[in-house]
Protein backbone atom coordinates (compact mmCIF):
# COMPACT_ATOMS: atom_id res chain seq x y z
CA MET A 1 0.00 0.00 0.00
CA LEU A 2 1.51 3.29 -1.12
CA THR A 3 0.08 5.28 1.80
CA GLN A 4 1.03 2.84 4.55
CA ASN A 5 3.48 5.26 6.20
CA VAL A 6 1.29 8.38 6.07
CA LEU A 7 0.65 9.46 9.69
CA ARG A 8 1.80 6.05 10.89
CA ASN A 9 2.21 5.98 14.69
CA ARG A 10 1.13 9.61 14.99
CA THR A 11 -1.43 11.14 17.31
CA SER A 12 -3.75 11.57 14.31
CA GLU A 13 -3.77 8.37 12.24
CA LEU A 14 -5.71 7.55 9.10
CA SER A 15 -8.69 5.21 9.30
CA ALA A 16 -8.91 2.35 6.81
CA GLU A 17 -11.57 4.28 4.88
CA GLU A 18 -9.45 7.45 4.78
CA ARG A 19 -6.40 5.50 3.64
CA SER A 20 -8.43 3.86 0.88
CA LEU A 21 -9.70 7.24 -0.30
CA LEU A 22 -6.20 8.65 -0.32
CA GLU A 23 -4.93 5.64 -2.26
CA GLY A 24 -7.64 6.26 -4.83
CA ALA A 25 -6.43 9.82 -5.32
CA ILE A 26 -3.02 8.63 -6.56
CA SER A 27 -2.72 8.89 -10.33
CA ARG A 28 0.66 7.14 -10.75
CA THR A 29 4.01 6.39 -9.16
CA GLN A 30 7.32 7.68 -10.45
CA PHE A 31 11.00 6.89 -9.85
CA PHE A 32 13.70 9.55 -9.52
CA PRO A 33 17.43 8.87 -9.17
CA ALA A 34 19.49 10.38 -6.36
CA GLY A 35 20.22 14.05 -7.03
CA ALA A 36 17.22 14.65 -9.29
CA VAL A 37 15.16 17.78 -8.66
CA VAL A 38 11.59 16.53 -8.32
CA VAL A 39 9.86 19.88 -7.79
CA ARG A 40 11.63 23.02 -8.95
CA GLN A 41 11.36 26.41 -7.30
CA GLY A 42 8.95 28.82 -8.98
CA VAL A 43 7.59 26.33 -11.52
CA PRO A 44 3.76 26.07 -11.46
CA VAL A 45 2.49 22.66 -10.36
CA ASN A 46 -0.89 20.95 -10.37
CA VAL A 47 0.11 17.81 -8.46
CA SER A 48 1.53 17.03 -5.02
CA VAL A 49 4.13 14.38 -4.25
CA LEU A 50 3.98 11.67 -1.58
CA LEU A 51 7.29 9.99 -0.76
CA VAL A 52 6.92 6.21 -0.86
CA ALA A 53 10.54 5.00 -0.66
CA GLY A 54 13.91 6.69 -0.16
CA LEU A 55 14.84 10.08 1.28
CA MET A 56 14.19 13.54 -0.15
CA THR A 57 15.27 17.06 0.78
CA ARG A 58 14.04 20.58 0.47
CA HIS A 59 16.77 23.04 -0.23
CA VAL A 60 17.32 26.69 -1.03
CA ASP A 61 20.09 27.83 -3.34
CA ALA A 62 21.74 31.02 -2.11
CA ARG A 63 23.00 33.70 -4.47
CA ASP A 64 26.57 32.55 -3.86
CA GLY A 65 25.62 29.18 -5.31
CA LYS A 66 25.65 27.30 -2.03
CA ARG A 67 22.85 24.85 -1.31
CA HIS A 68 21.13 24.97 2.06
CA LEU A 69 19.12 21.95 3.22
CA VAL A 70 15.99 23.08 5.04
CA ALA A 71 14.22 19.72 5.41
CA VAL A 72 14.80 15.99 5.08
CA HIS A 73 11.80 13.83 4.20
CA VAL A 74 11.18 10.16 4.96
CA PRO A 75 8.62 7.74 3.47
CA GLY A 76 5.07 8.76 4.31
CA ASP A 77 5.80 12.48 3.99
CA PHE A 78 3.91 14.67 1.54
CA VAL A 79 6.91 16.67 0.40
CA ASP A 80 4.88 19.46 -1.18
CA LEU A 81 1.29 19.15 -0.02
CA HIS A 82 1.33 22.91 0.55
CA ALA A 83 1.72 23.29 -3.21
CA TYR A 84 -1.96 22.35 -3.41
CA ALA A 85 -2.71 25.85 -2.12
CA LEU A 86 0.39 27.73 -3.26
CA LYS A 87 0.63 26.25 -6.81
CA LYS A 88 4.39 26.78 -6.81
CA LEU A 89 7.22 26.46 -4.30
CA ASP A 90 9.80 28.93 -3.04
CA HIS A 91 12.44 26.17 -2.87
CA ASP A 92 13.51 23.00 -4.67
CA VAL A 93 12.55 19.47 -3.62
CA ALA A 94 15.14 16.87 -4.58
CA ALA A 95 15.90 13.17 -4.23
CA LEU A 96 18.64 12.57 -1.67
CA THR A 97 18.64 8.86 -2.57
CA ASP A 98 16.89 6.97 -5.32
CA VAL A 99 13.22 7.52 -4.56
CA THR A 100 9.78 6.33 -5.52
CA VAL A 101 6.97 8.85 -5.19
CA ALA A 102 3.20 8.78 -5.61
CA ILE A 103 1.63 11.59 -7.60
CA LEU A 104 -1.67 13.11 -6.47
CA PRO A 105 -3.31 15.59 -8.87
CA HIS A 106 -4.66 18.67 -7.14
CA GLU A 107 -8.07 17.97 -8.64
CA SER A 108 -8.11 14.70 -6.65
CA LEU A 109 -7.21 16.57 -3.47
CA GLU A 110 -10.00 19.00 -4.28
CA ARG A 111 -12.47 16.11 -4.40
CA ILE A 112 -11.24 14.85 -1.02
CA GLN A 113 -11.79 18.31 0.42
CA GLN A 114 -15.36 18.30 -0.84
CA ILE A 115 -16.40 14.82 0.27
CA ASP A 116 -14.36 14.02 3.41
CA PRO A 117 -13.69 16.83 5.90
CA ASP A 118 -12.03 14.44 8.36
CA LEU A 119 -9.42 13.32 5.82
CA THR A 120 -8.98 16.96 4.81
CA ARG A 121 -8.12 17.76 8.43
CA ARG A 122 -5.61 14.88 8.45
CA LEU A 123 -3.91 16.34 5.37
CA TRP A 124 -3.88 19.76 7.00
CA PHE A 125 -2.32 18.11 10.05
CA LEU A 126 0.52 16.91 7.80
CA THR A 127 1.35 20.47 6.74
CA LEU A 128 1.26 21.54 10.39
CA LEU A 129 3.74 18.77 11.21
CA ASP A 130 6.04 20.19 8.55
CA ALA A 131 5.73 23.63 10.14
CA ALA A 132 6.42 22.28 13.63
CA THR A 133 9.52 20.47 12.41
CA HIS A 134 10.72 23.57 10.59
CA ARG A 135 10.38 25.63 13.77
CA GLN A 136 12.45 23.03 15.60
CA TRP A 137 15.17 23.28 12.94
CA ILE A 138 15.29 27.06 13.46
CA TYR A 139 15.53 26.54 17.23
CA ARG A 140 18.29 23.98 16.73
CA LEU A 141 20.44 26.37 14.71
CA ALA A 142 19.76 29.39 16.92
CA SER A 143 20.11 27.87 20.38
CA LEU A 144 22.13 24.66 20.38
CA SER A 145 25.84 23.98 20.30
CA ALA A 146 27.47 22.10 17.44
CA MET A 147 27.34 18.77 19.29
CA GLN A 148 23.76 19.36 20.37
CA ARG A 149 22.71 20.19 16.80
CA VAL A 150 24.08 16.97 15.35
CA ALA A 151 22.77 14.88 18.26
CA HIS A 152 19.34 16.51 17.96
CA PHE A 153 19.16 15.81 14.22
CA LEU A 154 20.11 12.17 14.79
CA CYS A 155 17.48 11.81 17.54
CA GLU A 156 14.85 13.42 15.33
CA THR A 157 15.69 11.18 12.38
CA ASN A 158 15.65 8.10 14.58
CA ALA A 159 12.21 9.08 15.92
CA ARG A 160 10.75 9.67 12.47
CA LEU A 161 12.16 6.41 11.12
CA LEU A 162 11.05 4.55 14.24
CA ALA A 163 7.49 5.66 13.50
CA ILE A 164 7.55 3.99 10.08
CA GLY A 165 9.48 0.89 11.09
CA ALA A 166 12.73 1.97 9.40
CA SER A 167 14.61 2.14 12.73
CA ASP A 168 14.56 -0.36 15.57
CA GLY A 169 15.17 2.46 18.01
CA SER A 170 18.93 2.03 18.07
CA SER A 171 20.06 1.49 14.48
CA PHE A 172 19.05 2.94 11.13
CA ALA A 173 20.36 3.69 7.67
CA LEU A 174 21.18 7.34 7.03
CA PRO A 175 22.50 7.73 3.48
CA MET A 176 23.82 11.24 4.04
CA THR A 177 27.37 12.51 3.83
CA GLN A 178 29.04 14.53 6.57
CA ALA A 179 28.66 17.50 4.22
CA ASP A 180 24.89 16.90 4.11
CA ILE A 181 24.73 16.80 7.90
CA GLY A 182 26.79 19.97 7.92
CA GLU A 183 24.18 21.69 5.76
CA VAL A 184 21.41 20.57 8.11
CA CYS A 185 23.30 21.79 11.16
CA SER A 186 25.08 24.80 9.63
CA LEU A 187 28.51 23.32 10.31
CA THR A 188 31.57 22.67 8.19
CA ASN A 189 32.46 19.15 7.15
CA VAL A 190 35.47 19.27 9.48
CA HIS A 191 33.29 20.39 12.39
CA VAL A 192 30.79 17.60 11.75
CA SER A 193 33.62 15.06 11.73
CA ARG A 194 34.86 16.38 15.06
CA VAL A 195 31.36 16.23 16.59
CA LEU A 196 30.72 12.69 15.36
CA ARG A 197 34.03 11.61 16.88
CA GLU A 198 33.03 13.26 20.16
CA LEU A 199 29.66 11.48 20.18
CA ARG A 200 31.43 8.18 19.53
CA GLU A 201 34.00 8.76 22.28
CA LEU A 202 31.20 9.64 24.73
CA GLY A 203 29.62 6.28 23.98
CA LEU A 204 26.42 7.84 22.60
CA CYS A 205 26.34 6.86 18.91
CA GLN A 206 28.39 5.96 15.87
CA PHE A 207 27.96 7.06 12.27
CA ARG A 208 29.80 4.97 9.73
CA SER A 209 29.16 3.94 6.13
CA SER A 210 25.77 5.70 6.00
CA HIS A 211 24.56 3.88 9.09
CA VAL A 212 23.82 5.19 12.59
CA VAL A 213 24.13 2.99 15.66
CA ILE A 214 22.86 4.61 18.86
CA THR A 215 24.61 3.02 21.83
CA ASP A 216 22.95 5.19 24.47
CA LEU A 217 19.68 6.72 23.30
CA ARG A 218 18.81 8.18 26.68
CA GLY A 219 22.22 9.84 26.86
CA LEU A 220 22.04 11.05 23.26
CA ALA A 221 18.59 12.58 23.80
CA ALA A 222 19.82 14.29 26.97
CA ALA A 223 22.90 15.65 25.21
CA ALA A 224 20.70 16.95 22.38
CA LEU A 225 18.02 18.44 24.66
CA PHE A 226 15.69 16.39 22.46
CA GLU A 227 11.99 16.22 23.28
CA PRO A 228 9.88 14.52 20.57
CA GLY A 229 6.61 16.36 21.30
CA TYR A 230 6.82 18.46 18.15
CA LEU A 231 6.67 15.29 16.03
CA PHE A 232 3.21 14.41 17.43
CA LEU A 233 4.01 10.72 17.71
CA ASN A 234 1.63 8.44 19.57
CA PRO A 235 2.58 8.00 23.24
CA GLN A 236 4.24 4.61 22.82
CA THR A 237 6.43 5.70 19.90
CA ALA A 238 7.28 9.02 21.56
CA ALA A 239 8.42 7.21 24.71
CA ARG A 240 10.65 4.89 22.69
CA ALA A 241 12.05 7.78 20.63
CA ALA A 242 13.26 9.53 23.80
CA ALA A 243 14.14 6.34 25.74
CA GLN A 244 11.57 7.24 28.36
CA ASN A 245 10.23 3.71 28.88
CA GLY A 246 13.43 1.94 29.78
CA GLU A 247 13.24 -0.14 26.63
CA ALA A 248 15.10 2.04 24.18
CA ASN A 249 16.61 -0.83 22.27
CA ASP A 250 13.50 -2.99 21.87
CA ARG A 251 12.34 -3.51 18.34
CA GLU A 252 8.88 -2.46 17.15
CA SER A 253 6.39 -5.28 17.41
């Protein structure tokens, strides 16, 4: 099912009927290779994109030519649902890895709005989740130290992947370079390398060969000042994401 990860393990989940209706709104799936720009800034659009497999990013290109990552998306995310209202984006959406996406024409979303107000509220909830996450990214850059920024991003990514079954709570694939993490955290590649070494030496986590192993989730969350409330996970998943239930390394059932 293409929509299986949409709002999975969140405080507002889709009913079977809502998921079926959303599935019916999908016109096709499409593959994009890593590095492809899927939605380009300023170009009018009449569809929205649901990420089914892989990782995607939103990024802004500065006048000096530098790229700035402003979001990382995981399966189940509508990467540009807000384009339904805006009709064009003020940033690019690109494939960080090879990705498969589902395409939903805006006319199909319009029909959902007309016939199912509850599902419409769920879709609105998705855009509010994006906004909450974006605010947390601003907070992270403005208020946290270099080590806290990286640790916070790793905790956040673990929590989001935990919700969709792509992390067991202590280990997950993260096909990003140190330069990518540097963009997320506004740090140089050298600084990211130093922070990752520090996290490893503190016995909190390891990042090697595009894979993260968290050896002390409770300690990592404490070091990051990470609280998962802004992700609106259900209570069980939120507790596991912050190691608040004493079973941080248990796998999802």
